[in-house]
PDB file of N, CA and C in Angstrom:
ATOM      1  N   MET A   1     -17.560   8.452  -3.990  1.00  0.00           N
ATOM      2  CA  MET A   1     -16.093   8.293  -3.754  1.00  0.00           C
ATOM      3  C   MET A   1     -15.854   7.752  -2.348  1.00  0.00           C
ATOM      4  N   ILE A   2     -14.855   6.996  -2.233  1.00  0.00           N
ATOM      5  CA  ILE A   2     -14.394   6.461  -0.968  1.00  0.00           C
ATOM      6  C   ILE A   2     -13.452   7.402  -0.301  1.00  0.00           C
ATOM      7  N   ARG A   3     -13.746   7.824   0.908  1.00  0.00           N
ATOM      8  CA  ARG A   3     -12.797   8.733   1.635  1.00  0.00           C
ATOM      9  C   ARG A   3     -11.676   7.941   2.286  1.00  0.00           C
ATOM     10  N   ILE A   4     -10.450   8.401   2.033  1.00  0.00           N
ATOM     11  CA  ILE A   4      -9.241   7.736   2.640  1.00  0.00           C
ATOM     12  C   ILE A   4      -8.496   8.835   3.431  1.00  0.00           C
ATOM     13  N   GLU A   5      -8.402   8.550   4.721  1.00  0.00           N
ATOM     14  CA  GLU A   5      -7.719   9.526   5.613  1.00  0.00           C
ATOM     15  C   GLU A   5      -6.279   9.141   5.883  1.00  0.00           C
ATOM     16  N   HIS A   6      -5.933   7.832   5.897  1.00  0.00           N
ATOM     17  CA  HIS A   6      -4.576   7.420   6.122  1.00  0.00           C
ATOM     18  C   HIS A   6      -4.312   6.269   5.208  1.00  0.00           C
ATOM     19  N   ILE A   7      -3.027   6.227   4.801  1.00  0.00           N
ATOM     20  CA  ILE A   7      -2.591   5.137   3.888  1.00  0.00           C
ATOM     21  C   ILE A   7      -1.417   4.407   4.564  1.00  0.00           C
ATOM     22  N   TRP A   8      -1.547   3.119   4.737  1.00  0.00           N
ATOM     23  CA  TRP A   8      -0.477   2.327   5.487  1.00  0.00           C
ATOM     24  C   TRP A   8       0.044   1.340   4.439  1.00  0.00           C
ATOM     25  N   LEU A   9       1.354   1.156   4.560  1.00  0.00           N
ATOM     26  CA  LEU A   9       2.047   0.225   3.727  1.00  0.00           C
ATOM     27  C   LEU A   9       2.611  -0.940   4.516  1.00  0.00           C
ATOM     28  N   GLY A  10       2.105  -2.170   4.270  1.00  0.00           N
ATOM     29  CA  GLY A  10       2.622  -3.351   4.926  1.00  0.00           C
ATOM     30  C   GLY A  10       3.978  -3.715   4.271  1.00  0.00           C
ATOM     31  N   VAL A  11       5.007  -3.808   5.099  1.00  0.00           N
ATOM     32  CA  VAL A  11       6.370  -4.029   4.473  1.00  0.00           C
ATOM     33  C   VAL A  11       6.575  -5.468   4.145  1.00  0.00           C
ATOM     34  N   GLU A  12       6.099  -6.371   4.905  1.00  0.00           N
ATOM     35  CA  GLU A  12       6.345  -7.827   4.639  1.00  0.00           C
ATOM     36  C   GLU A  12       5.545  -8.235   3.340  1.00  0.00           C
ATOM     37  N   PRO A  13       6.281  -9.005   2.486  1.00  0.00           N
ATOM     38  CA  PRO A  13       5.557  -9.470   1.249  1.00  0.00           C
ATOM     39  C   PRO A  13       4.404 -10.415   1.599  1.00  0.00           C
ATOM     40  N   VAL A  14       3.328 -10.386   0.790  1.00  0.00           N
ATOM     41  CA  VAL A  14       2.228 -11.344   0.998  1.00  0.00           C
ATOM     42  C   VAL A  14       2.024 -12.161  -0.284  1.00  0.00           C
ATOM     43  N   ASP A  15       1.354 -13.235  -0.150  1.00  0.00           N
ATOM     44  CA  ASP A  15       0.976 -14.141  -1.214  1.00  0.00           C
ATOM     45  C   ASP A  15      -0.189 -13.477  -1.978  1.00  0.00           C
ATOM     46  N   MET A  16       0.010 -13.216  -3.277  1.00  0.00           N
ATOM     47  CA  MET A  16      -0.954 -12.564  -4.082  1.00  0.00           C
ATOM     48  C   MET A  16      -2.174 -13.418  -4.353  1.00  0.00           C
ATOM     49  N   ARG A  17      -2.135 -14.690  -4.019  1.00  0.00           N
ATOM     50  CA  ARG A  17      -3.305 -15.539  -4.094  1.00  0.00           C
ATOM     51  C   ARG A  17      -4.292 -15.281  -2.969  1.00  0.00           C
ATOM     52  N   SER A  18      -3.829 -14.489  -1.997  1.00  0.00           N
ATOM     53  CA  SER A  18      -4.682 -14.235  -0.821  1.00  0.00           C
ATOM     54  C   SER A  18      -5.819 -13.390  -1.218  1.00  0.00           C
ATOM     55  N   GLY A  19      -7.017 -13.748  -0.690  1.00  0.00           N
ATOM     56  CA  GLY A  19      -8.199 -12.980  -0.952  1.00  0.00           C
ATOM     57  C   GLY A  19      -8.358 -11.854   0.099  1.00  0.00           C
ATOM     58  N   MET A  20      -9.549 -11.331   0.080  1.00  0.00           N
ATOM     59  CA  MET A  20      -9.818 -10.219   0.986  1.00  0.00           C
ATOM     60  C   MET A  20      -9.764 -10.661   2.444  1.00  0.00           C
ATOM     61  N   ASP A  21     -10.297 -11.751   2.792  1.00  0.00           N
ATOM     62  CA  ASP A  21     -10.355 -12.223   4.153  1.00  0.00           C
ATOM     63  C   ASP A  21      -8.972 -12.413   4.737  1.00  0.00           C
ATOM     64  N   ARG A  22      -8.072 -13.092   3.965  1.00  0.00           N
ATOM     65  CA  ARG A  22      -6.709 -13.372   4.427  1.00  0.00           C
ATOM     66  C   ARG A  22      -5.932 -12.084   4.598  1.00  0.00           C
ATOM     67  N   LEU A  23      -6.114 -11.161   3.636  1.00  0.00           N
ATOM     68  CA  LEU A  23      -5.425  -9.858   3.758  1.00  0.00           C
ATOM     69  C   LEU A  23      -5.958  -9.048   4.935  1.00  0.00           C
ATOM     70  N   LEU A  24      -7.243  -9.151   5.191  1.00  0.00           N
ATOM     71  CA  LEU A  24      -7.826  -8.510   6.359  1.00  0.00           C
ATOM     72  C   LEU A  24      -7.248  -9.048   7.661  1.00  0.00           C
ATOM     73  N   MET A  25      -6.998 -10.406   7.700  1.00  0.00           N
ATOM     74  CA  MET A  25      -6.310 -10.984   8.840  1.00  0.00           C
ATOM     75  C   MET A  25      -4.874 -10.428   8.969  1.00  0.00           C
ATOM     76  N   GLN A  26      -4.207 -10.207   7.815  1.00  0.00           N
ATOM     77  CA  GLN A  26      -2.864  -9.649   7.887  1.00  0.00           C
ATOM     78  C   GLN A  26      -2.907  -8.214   8.362  1.00  0.00           C
ATOM     79  N   VAL A  27      -3.895  -7.467   7.999  1.00  0.00           N
ATOM     80  CA  VAL A  27      -4.106  -6.112   8.495  1.00  0.00           C
ATOM     81  C   VAL A  27      -4.241  -6.112  10.001  1.00  0.00           C
ATOM     82  N   VAL A  28      -5.023  -6.996  10.535  1.00  0.00           N
ATOM     83  CA  VAL A  28      -5.230  -7.054  11.988  1.00  0.00           C
ATOM     84  C   VAL A  28      -3.904  -7.540  12.668  1.00  0.00           C
ATOM     85  N   ALA A  29      -3.131  -8.428  12.081  1.00  0.00           N
ATOM     86  CA  ALA A  29      -1.945  -8.891  12.611  1.00  0.00           C
ATOM     87  C   ALA A  29      -0.828  -7.743  12.638  1.00  0.00           C
ATOM     88  N   VAL A  30      -0.810  -6.980  11.588  1.00  0.00           N
ATOM     89  CA  VAL A  30       0.280  -5.888  11.496  1.00  0.00           C
ATOM     90  C   VAL A  30      -0.205  -4.635  12.191  1.00  0.00           C
ATOM     91  N   PHE A  31      -1.379  -4.186  11.939  1.00  0.00           N
ATOM     92  CA  PHE A  31      -1.877  -2.857  12.352  1.00  0.00           C
ATOM     93  C   PHE A  31      -2.759  -2.879  13.598  1.00  0.00           C
ATOM     94  N   GLY A  32      -3.162  -4.079  14.066  1.00  0.00           N
ATOM     95  CA  GLY A  32      -4.035  -4.159  15.213  1.00  0.00           C
ATOM     96  C   GLY A  32      -5.519  -4.274  14.891  1.00  0.00           C
ATOM     97  N   ARG A  33      -5.989  -3.494  13.916  1.00  0.00           N
ATOM     98  CA  ARG A  33      -7.376  -3.618  13.409  1.00  0.00           C
ATOM     99  C   ARG A  33      -7.486  -2.805  12.168  1.00  0.00           C
ATOM    100  N   ALA A  34      -8.538  -3.088  11.422  1.00  0.00           N
ATOM    101  CA  ALA A  34      -8.821  -2.296  10.223  1.00  0.00           C
ATOM    102  C   ALA A  34      -9.681  -1.085  10.654  1.00  0.00           C
ATOM    103  N   GLN A  35      -9.154   0.124  10.422  1.00  0.00           N
ATOM    104  CA  GLN A  35      -9.890   1.246  10.854  1.00  0.00           C
ATOM    105  C   GLN A  35     -10.629   1.899   9.635  1.00  0.00           C
ATOM    106  N   PRO A  36     -11.819   2.450   9.887  1.00  0.00           N
ATOM    107  CA  PRO A  36     -12.587   3.069   8.841  1.00  0.00           C
ATOM    108  C   PRO A  36     -11.785   4.247   8.141  1.00  0.00           C
ATOM    109  N   HIS A  37     -11.924   4.318   6.848  1.00  0.00           N
ATOM    110  CA  HIS A  37     -11.288   5.347   6.001  1.00  0.00           C
ATOM    111  C   HIS A  37      -9.760   5.213   5.998  1.00  0.00           C
ATOM    112  N   HIS A  38      -9.220   4.046   6.164  1.00  0.00           N
ATOM    113  CA  HIS A  38      -7.830   3.731   6.049  1.00  0.00           C
ATOM    114  C   HIS A  38      -7.615   2.772   4.863  1.00  0.00           C
ATOM    115  N   ALA A  39      -6.479   2.954   4.189  1.00  0.00           N
ATOM    116  CA  ALA A  39      -6.107   2.096   3.057  1.00  0.00           C
ATOM    117  C   ALA A  39      -4.823   1.345   3.500  1.00  0.00           C
ATOM    118  N   TYR A  40      -4.813   0.043   3.161  1.00  0.00           N
ATOM    119  CA  TYR A  40      -3.659  -0.829   3.519  1.00  0.00           C
ATOM    120  C   TYR A  40      -3.089  -1.439   2.249  1.00  0.00           C
ATOM    121  N   LEU A  41      -1.845  -1.134   1.953  1.00  0.00           N
ATOM    122  CA  LEU A  41      -1.168  -1.658   0.760  1.00  0.00           C
ATOM    123  C   LEU A  41      -0.239  -2.798   1.050  1.00  0.00           C
ATOM    124  N   PHE A  42      -0.256  -3.816   0.142  1.00  0.00           N
ATOM    125  CA  PHE A  42       0.634  -4.964   0.287  1.00  0.00           C
ATOM    126  C   PHE A  42       1.204  -5.282  -1.019  1.00  0.00           C
ATOM    127  N   ALA A  43       2.396  -5.842  -1.113  1.00  0.00           N
ATOM    128  CA  ALA A  43       2.986  -6.273  -2.403  1.00  0.00           C
ATOM    129  C   ALA A  43       3.519  -7.776  -2.245  1.00  0.00           C
ATOM    130  N   ASN A  44       3.754  -8.291  -3.439  1.00  0.00           N
ATOM    131  CA  ASN A  44       4.354  -9.652  -3.444  1.00  0.00           C
ATOM    132  C   ASN A  44       5.894  -9.556  -3.267  1.00  0.00           C
ATOM    133  N   ARG A  45       6.517 -10.683  -3.132  1.00  0.00           N
ATOM    134  CA  ARG A  45       7.974 -10.693  -2.844  1.00  0.00           C
ATOM    135  C   ARG A  45       8.771 -10.021  -3.970  1.00  0.00           C
ATOM    136  N   ARG A  46       8.397 -10.235  -5.203  1.00  0.00           N
ATOM    137  CA  ARG A  46       9.156  -9.550  -6.297  1.00  0.00           C
ATOM    138  C   ARG A  46       8.812  -8.080  -6.471  1.00  0.00           C
ATOM    139  N   GLY A  47       7.797  -7.630  -5.797  1.00  0.00           N
ATOM    140  CA  GLY A  47       7.414  -6.200  -5.924  1.00  0.00           C
ATOM    141  C   GLY A  47       6.824  -5.765  -7.247  1.00  0.00           C
ATOM    142  N   THR A  48       6.171  -6.773  -7.956  1.00  0.00           N
ATOM    143  CA  THR A  48       5.538  -6.451  -9.252  1.00  0.00           C
ATOM    144  C   THR A  48       4.042  -6.362  -9.101  1.00  0.00           C
ATOM    145  N   ARG A  49       3.517  -6.840  -8.021  1.00  0.00           N
ATOM    146  CA  ARG A  49       2.024  -6.770  -7.810  1.00  0.00           C
ATOM    147  C   ARG A  49       1.693  -6.156  -6.437  1.00  0.00           C
ATOM    148  N   MET A  50       0.558  -5.482  -6.428  1.00  0.00           N
ATOM    149  CA  MET A  50       0.161  -4.791  -5.180  1.00  0.00           C
ATOM    150  C   MET A  50      -1.383  -5.046  -5.002  1.00  0.00           C
ATOM    151  N   LYS A  51      -1.690  -5.237  -3.717  1.00  0.00           N
ATOM    152  CA  LYS A  51      -3.130  -5.322  -3.376  1.00  0.00           C
ATOM    153  C   LYS A  51      -3.410  -4.226  -2.338  1.00  0.00           C
ATOM    154  N   VAL A  52      -4.574  -3.554  -2.518  1.00  0.00           N
ATOM    155  CA  VAL A  52      -4.917  -2.491  -1.584  1.00  0.00           C
ATOM    156  C   VAL A  52      -6.277  -2.885  -0.968  1.00  0.00           C
ATOM    157  N   LEU A  53      -6.372  -2.806   0.374  1.00  0.00           N
ATOM    158  CA  LEU A  53      -7.620  -2.963   1.072  1.00  0.00           C
ATOM    159  C   LEU A  53      -8.036  -1.633   1.625  1.00  0.00           C
ATOM    160  N   ILE A  54      -9.276  -1.269   1.463  1.00  0.00           N
ATOM    161  CA  ILE A  54      -9.799   0.054   1.878  1.00  0.00           C
ATOM    162  C   ILE A  54     -11.037  -0.259   2.699  1.00  0.00           C
ATOM    163  N   HIS A  55     -10.996   0.223   3.959  1.00  0.00           N
ATOM    164  CA  HIS A  55     -12.160   0.083   4.852  1.00  0.00           C
ATOM    165  C   HIS A  55     -12.908   1.391   4.697  1.00  0.00           C
ATOM    166  N   ASP A  56     -14.194   1.307   4.226  1.00  0.00           N
ATOM    167  CA  ASP A  56     -14.959   2.569   4.008  1.00  0.00           C
ATOM    168  C   ASP A  56     -15.928   2.886   5.159  1.00  0.00           C
ATOM    169  N   GLY A  57     -15.826   2.112   6.237  1.00  0.00           N
ATOM    170  CA  GLY A  57     -16.762   2.358   7.349  1.00  0.00           C
ATOM    171  C   GLY A  57     -17.914   1.390   7.348  1.00  0.00           C
ATOM    172  N   PHE A  58     -18.198   0.781   6.263  1.00  0.00           N
ATOM    173  CA  PHE A  58     -19.287  -0.213   6.065  1.00  0.00           C
ATOM    174  C   PHE A  58     -18.757  -1.596   5.781  1.00  0.00           C
ATOM    175  N   GLY A  59     -17.719  -1.600   4.969  1.00  0.00           N
ATOM    176  CA  GLY A  59     -17.165  -2.853   4.504  1.00  0.00           C
ATOM    177  C   GLY A  59     -15.735  -2.637   3.965  1.00  0.00           C
ATOM    178  N   VAL A  60     -15.213  -3.604   3.332  1.00  0.00           N
ATOM    179  CA  VAL A  60     -13.859  -3.581   2.816  1.00  0.00           C
ATOM    180  C   VAL A  60     -13.851  -3.731   1.296  1.00  0.00           C
ATOM    181  N   TRP A  61     -13.047  -2.869   0.650  1.00  0.00           N
ATOM    182  CA  TRP A  61     -12.825  -2.926  -0.823  1.00  0.00           C
ATOM    183  C   TRP A  61     -11.445  -3.453  -1.072  1.00  0.00           C
ATOM    184  N   MET A  62     -11.255  -4.208  -2.134  1.00  0.00           N
ATOM    185  CA  MET A  62      -9.939  -4.645  -2.510  1.00  0.00           C
ATOM    186  C   MET A  62      -9.645  -4.266  -3.959  1.00  0.00           C
ATOM    187  N   ALA A  63      -8.506  -3.798  -4.230  1.00  0.00           N
ATOM    188  CA  ALA A  63      -8.050  -3.426  -5.614  1.00  0.00           C
ATOM    189  C   ALA A  63      -6.666  -4.094  -5.807  1.00  0.00           C
ATOM    190  N   VAL A  64      -6.412  -4.366  -7.062  1.00  0.00           N
ATOM    191  CA  VAL A  64      -5.136  -5.037  -7.477  1.00  0.00           C
ATOM    192  C   VAL A  64      -4.478  -4.197  -8.530  1.00  0.00           C
ATOM    193  N   ARG A  65      -3.140  -4.093  -8.411  1.00  0.00           N
ATOM    194  CA  ARG A  65      -2.322  -3.325  -9.403  1.00  0.00           C
ATOM    195  C   ARG A  65      -1.177  -4.211  -9.786  1.00  0.00           C
ATOM    196  N   ARG A  66      -0.816  -4.266 -11.029  1.00  0.00           N
ATOM    197  CA  ARG A  66       0.295  -5.059 -11.490  1.00  0.00           C
ATOM    198  C   ARG A  66       1.161  -4.209 -12.490  1.00  0.00           C
ATOM    199  N   LEU A  67       2.508  -4.282 -12.195  1.00  0.00           N
ATOM    200  CA  LEU A  67       3.377  -3.662 -13.141  1.00  0.00           C
ATOM    201  C   LEU A  67       3.914  -4.686 -14.130  1.00  0.00           C
ATOM    202  N   HIS A  68       3.890  -4.321 -15.454  1.00  0.00           N
ATOM    203  CA  HIS A  68       4.421  -5.201 -16.485  1.00  0.00           C
ATOM    204  C   HIS A  68       5.910  -5.088 -16.629  1.00  0.00           C
ATOM    205  N   GLN A  69       6.480  -3.908 -16.228  1.00  0.00           N
ATOM    206  CA  GLN A  69       7.930  -3.686 -16.275  1.00  0.00           C
ATOM    207  C   GLN A  69       8.329  -3.059 -14.932  1.00  0.00           C
ATOM    208  N   GLY A  70       9.443  -3.374 -14.398  1.00  0.00           N
ATOM    209  CA  GLY A  70       9.994  -2.757 -13.260  1.00  0.00           C
ATOM    210  C   GLY A  70       9.326  -3.325 -11.954  1.00  0.00           C
ATOM    211  N   GLN A  71       9.530  -2.605 -10.857  1.00  0.00           N
ATOM    212  CA  GLN A  71       9.025  -3.056  -9.554  1.00  0.00           C
ATOM    213  C   GLN A  71       8.556  -1.854  -8.760  1.00  0.00           C
ATOM    214  N   PHE A  72       7.665  -2.067  -7.827  1.00  0.00           N
ATOM    215  CA  PHE A  72       7.217  -1.072  -6.877  1.00  0.00           C
ATOM    216  C   PHE A  72       8.435  -0.815  -5.948  1.00  0.00           C
ATOM    217  N   ALA A  73       8.615   0.453  -5.575  1.00  0.00           N
ATOM    218  CA  ALA A  73       9.630   0.822  -4.635  1.00  0.00           C
ATOM    219  C   ALA A  73       9.179   0.514  -3.258  1.00  0.00           C
ATOM    220  N   TRP A  74       9.454  -0.713  -2.748  1.00  0.00           N
ATOM    221  CA  TRP A  74       8.902  -1.183  -1.495  1.00  0.00           C
ATOM    222  C   TRP A  74       9.981  -1.175  -0.403  1.00  0.00           C
ATOM    223  N   PRO A  75       9.708  -0.672   0.765  1.00  0.00           N
ATOM    224  CA  PRO A  75      10.704  -0.632   1.861  1.00  0.00           C
ATOM    225  C   PRO A  75      10.916  -2.064   2.367  1.00  0.00           C
ATOM    226  N   THR A  76      12.079  -2.287   2.989  1.00  0.00           N
ATOM    227  CA  THR A  76      12.409  -3.639   3.458  1.00  0.00           C
ATOM    228  C   THR A  76      12.522  -3.680   4.989  1.00  0.00           C
ATOM    229  N   LEU A  77      12.544  -2.543   5.677  1.00  0.00           N
ATOM    230  CA  LEU A  77      12.676  -2.526   7.172  1.00  0.00           C
ATOM    231  C   LEU A  77      11.371  -2.126   7.813  1.00  0.00           C
ATOM    232  N   GLY A  78      11.174  -2.662   8.995  1.00  0.00           N
ATOM    233  CA  GLY A  78      10.003  -2.282   9.804  1.00  0.00           C
ATOM    234  C   GLY A  78       8.817  -3.214   9.429  1.00  0.00           C
ATOM    235  N   SER A  79       7.704  -3.020  10.124  1.00  0.00           N
ATOM    236  CA  SER A  79       6.477  -3.823   9.855  1.00  0.00           C
ATOM    237  C   SER A  79       5.469  -3.032   8.973  1.00  0.00           C
ATOM    238  N   HIS A  80       5.512  -1.697   9.148  1.00  0.00           N
ATOM    239  CA  HIS A  80       4.598  -0.876   8.327  1.00  0.00           C
ATOM    240  C   HIS A  80       5.050   0.572   8.245  1.00  0.00           C
ATOM    241  N   VAL A  81       4.618   1.331   7.243  1.00  0.00           N
ATOM    242  CA  VAL A  81       5.050   2.675   6.932  1.00  0.00           C
ATOM    243  C   VAL A  81       3.758   3.466   6.644  1.00  0.00           C
ATOM    244  N   THR A  82       3.761   4.712   7.026  1.00  0.00           N
ATOM    245  CA  THR A  82       2.618   5.596   6.724  1.00  0.00           C
ATOM    246  C   THR A  82       3.048   6.444   5.482  1.00  0.00           C
ATOM    247  N   LEU A  83       2.131   6.552   4.486  1.00  0.00           N
ATOM    248  CA  LEU A  83       2.409   7.294   3.288  1.00  0.00           C
ATOM    249  C   LEU A  83       1.498   8.552   3.185  1.00  0.00           C
ATOM    250  N   SER A  84       2.001   9.592   2.549  1.00  0.00           N
ATOM    251  CA  SER A  84       1.167  10.724   2.243  1.00  0.00           C
ATOM    252  C   SER A  84       0.417  10.427   0.920  1.00  0.00           C
ATOM    253  N   VAL A  85      -0.518  11.207   0.598  1.00  0.00           N
ATOM    254  CA  VAL A  85      -1.271  10.950  -0.642  1.00  0.00           C
ATOM    255  C   VAL A  85      -0.401  11.029  -1.855  1.00  0.00           C
ATOM    256  N   GLU A  86       0.554  12.040  -1.859  1.00  0.00           N
ATOM    257  CA  GLU A  86       1.527  12.130  -3.065  1.00  0.00           C
ATOM    258  C   GLU A  86       2.429  10.968  -3.075  1.00  0.00           C
ATOM    259  N   GLN A  87       2.891  10.464  -1.920  1.00  0.00           N
ATOM    260  CA  GLN A  87       3.774   9.318  -1.977  1.00  0.00           C
ATOM    261  C   GLN A  87       2.992   8.086  -2.467  1.00  0.00           C
ATOM    262  N   ALA A  88       1.742   7.926  -2.059  1.00  0.00           N
ATOM    263  CA  ALA A  88       0.948   6.768  -2.472  1.00  0.00           C
ATOM    264  C   ALA A  88       0.721   6.864  -4.007  1.00  0.00           C
ATOM    265  N   ARG A  89       0.430   8.046  -4.509  1.00  0.00           N
ATOM    266  CA  ARG A  89       0.200   8.124  -5.983  1.00  0.00           C
ATOM    267  C   ARG A  89       1.531   7.774  -6.747  1.00  0.00           C
ATOM    268  N   ALA A  90       2.635   8.201  -6.264  1.00  0.00           N
ATOM    269  CA  ALA A  90       3.889   7.838  -6.849  1.00  0.00           C
ATOM    270  C   ALA A  90       4.151   6.370  -6.781  1.00  0.00           C
ATOM    271  N   LEU A  91       3.888   5.704  -5.647  1.00  0.00           N
ATOM    272  CA  LEU A  91       4.119   4.376  -5.507  1.00  0.00           C
ATOM    273  C   LEU A  91       3.253   3.473  -6.473  1.00  0.00           C
ATOM    274  N   VAL A  92       1.934   3.864  -6.570  1.00  0.00           N
ATOM    275  CA  VAL A  92       1.033   3.094  -7.396  1.00  0.00           C
ATOM    276  C   VAL A  92       1.441   3.104  -8.900  1.00  0.00           C
ATOM    277  N   VAL A  93       2.080   4.163  -9.368  1.00  0.00           N
ATOM    278  CA  VAL A  93       2.531   4.199 -10.772  1.00  0.00           C
ATOM    279  C   VAL A  93       3.968   3.726 -10.884  1.00  0.00           C
ATOM    280  N   GLY A  94       4.578   3.301  -9.840  1.00  0.00           N
ATOM    281  CA  GLY A  94       5.947   2.728  -9.945  1.00  0.00           C
ATOM    282  C   GLY A  94       7.079   3.659  -9.785  1.00  0.00           C
ATOM    283  N   LEU A  95       6.805   4.869  -9.263  1.00  0.00           N
ATOM    284  CA  LEU A  95       7.877   5.881  -9.061  1.00  0.00           C
ATOM    285  C   LEU A  95       8.517   5.734  -7.687  1.00  0.00           C
ATOM    286  N   PRO A  96       9.744   6.160  -7.510  1.00  0.00           N
ATOM    287  CA  PRO A  96      10.419   6.027  -6.207  1.00  0.00           C
ATOM    288  C   PRO A  96       9.887   7.051  -5.179  1.00  0.00           C
ATOM    289  N   TRP A  97       8.833   6.664  -4.470  1.00  0.00           N
ATOM    290  CA  TRP A  97       8.134   7.625  -3.554  1.00  0.00           C
ATOM    291  C   TRP A  97       9.002   8.099  -2.429  1.00  0.00           C
ATOM    292  N   GLN A  98      10.088   7.347  -2.072  1.00  0.00           N
ATOM    293  CA  GLN A  98      11.021   7.719  -0.996  1.00  0.00           C
ATOM    294  C   GLN A  98      11.715   9.003  -1.319  1.00  0.00           C
ATOM    295  N   ARG A  99      11.854   9.379  -2.628  1.00  0.00           N
ATOM    296  CA  ARG A  99      12.539  10.558  -3.047  1.00  0.00           C
ATOM    297  C   ARG A  99      11.630  11.786  -3.275  1.00  0.00           C
ATOM    298  N   MET A 100      10.389  11.725  -2.712  1.00  0.00           N
ATOM    299  CA  MET A 100       9.465  12.843  -2.887  1.00  0.00           C
ATOM    300  C   MET A 100       9.860  14.042  -2.015  1.00  0.00           C
ATOM    301  N   ASN A 101       9.885  15.258  -2.540  1.00  0.00           N
ATOM    302  CA  ASN A 101      10.084  16.509  -1.865  1.00  0.00           C
ATOM    303  C   ASN A 101       8.739  16.974  -1.283  1.00  0.00           C
ATOM    304  N   ALA A 102       8.880  17.919  -0.417  1.00  0.00           N
ATOM    305  CA  ALA A 102       7.656  18.517   0.263  1.00  0.00           C
ATOM    306  C   ALA A 102       6.691  19.081  -0.770  1.00  0.00           C
ATOM    307  N   ASP A 103       7.151  19.538  -1.892  1.00  0.00           N
ATOM    308  CA  ASP A 103       6.250  20.136  -2.946  1.00  0.00           C
ATOM    309  C   ASP A 103       5.691  19.092  -3.903  1.00  0.00           C
ATOM    310  N   GLY A 104       5.982  17.802  -3.622  1.00  0.00           N
ATOM    311  CA  GLY A 104       5.431  16.745  -4.506  1.00  0.00           C
ATOM    312  C   GLY A 104       6.302  16.369  -5.663  1.00  0.00           C
ATOM    313  N   SER A 105       7.451  17.045  -5.813  1.00  0.00           N
ATOM    314  CA  SER A 105       8.330  16.726  -6.955  1.00  0.00           C
ATOM    315  C   SER A 105       9.290  15.606  -6.516  1.00  0.00           C
ATOM    316  N   LEU A 106       9.912  14.921  -7.474  1.00  0.00           N
ATOM    317  CA  LEU A 106      10.861  13.883  -7.163  1.00  0.00           C
ATOM    318  C   LEU A 106      12.264  14.434  -7.266  1.00  0.00           C
ATOM    319  N   SER A 107      13.126  14.124  -6.307  1.00  0.00           N
ATOM    320  CA  SER A 107      14.510  14.542  -6.369  1.00  0.00           C
ATOM    321  C   SER A 107      15.302  13.368  -7.122  1.00  0.00           C
ATOM    322  N   VAL A 108      16.234  13.788  -7.956  1.00  0.00           N
ATOM    323  CA  VAL A 108      16.981  12.818  -8.743  1.00  0.00           C
ATOM    324  C   VAL A 108      18.443  12.857  -8.187  1.00  0.00           C
ATOM    325  N   LEU A 109      19.002  11.683  -7.970  1.00  0.00           N
ATOM    326  CA  LEU A 109      20.363  11.666  -7.488  1.00  0.00           C
ATOM    327  C   LEU A 109      21.309  11.436  -8.642  1.00  0.00           C
TER     328      LEU A 109
END
């Protein structure tokens, strides 16, 4: 298993045609450098596709996620956001992670 200590969300949309090297350049531009055991999440402009880069201490892994309906709940302000594990799990399945309570439940308005 790959150990992930911190999860970072890049707010600016990226071109989903970008490969691992271009996204790694984006990580360096936004976060300063790719740190071991950190995951970096990026989405396209429409918020329907997500790419995740994970630095495992030896190299970089890339994963892709696509929603067939709806959009990822992506923030629009700032350059990056830190997520908890529960927030990241909610984000990946398309739930509104910004509404997560401390106990991991979602609040409904």
